[in-house]
Amino acid sequence: MPTDPSTKVKVPLYPLEHVQETLLAELIKSVKDLAEFEGVLLPKSQNELITKAIHIDSHTVVEILCVLDEVVGFEVGQAAVRPGGYESIQEAVDDVTARTAKLWDKHFDGGVA
């Protein structure tokens, strides 16, 4: 049975702040755990930590994506992560949040995320 295009489901509002907060918390935890394991000193200030030049491998980011699945309601796959990684926590949060927003739109617009 054909579907009337005018009855298309409206895309829900992307939970931007929740995605950013969740991702930031997980990345900080991951970076701190790795730094402790490797004996690397990190800034004590959270603002300094999230902007500090620290290479974060893309595989590390992919490993923590599962925390976003519950936030957005679908599986956030590796397409949300830029190959090659990131040079700061803030860069990772900004990029993954933007990529997840595109997956959100695709998921709720009838595509498969």
Foldseek 3Di string as FASTA:
>chain_A
DDDDPVPQDDQDDQPLVVLLVQLLVLVVVLVVVVCVVVVHDADPDSVRQQPAFDWDALVNSQVSQVSCCVVLVHRDHSQLTDHPTDGGNNVRSVSSSVSVVVQSCCVRRPHHD
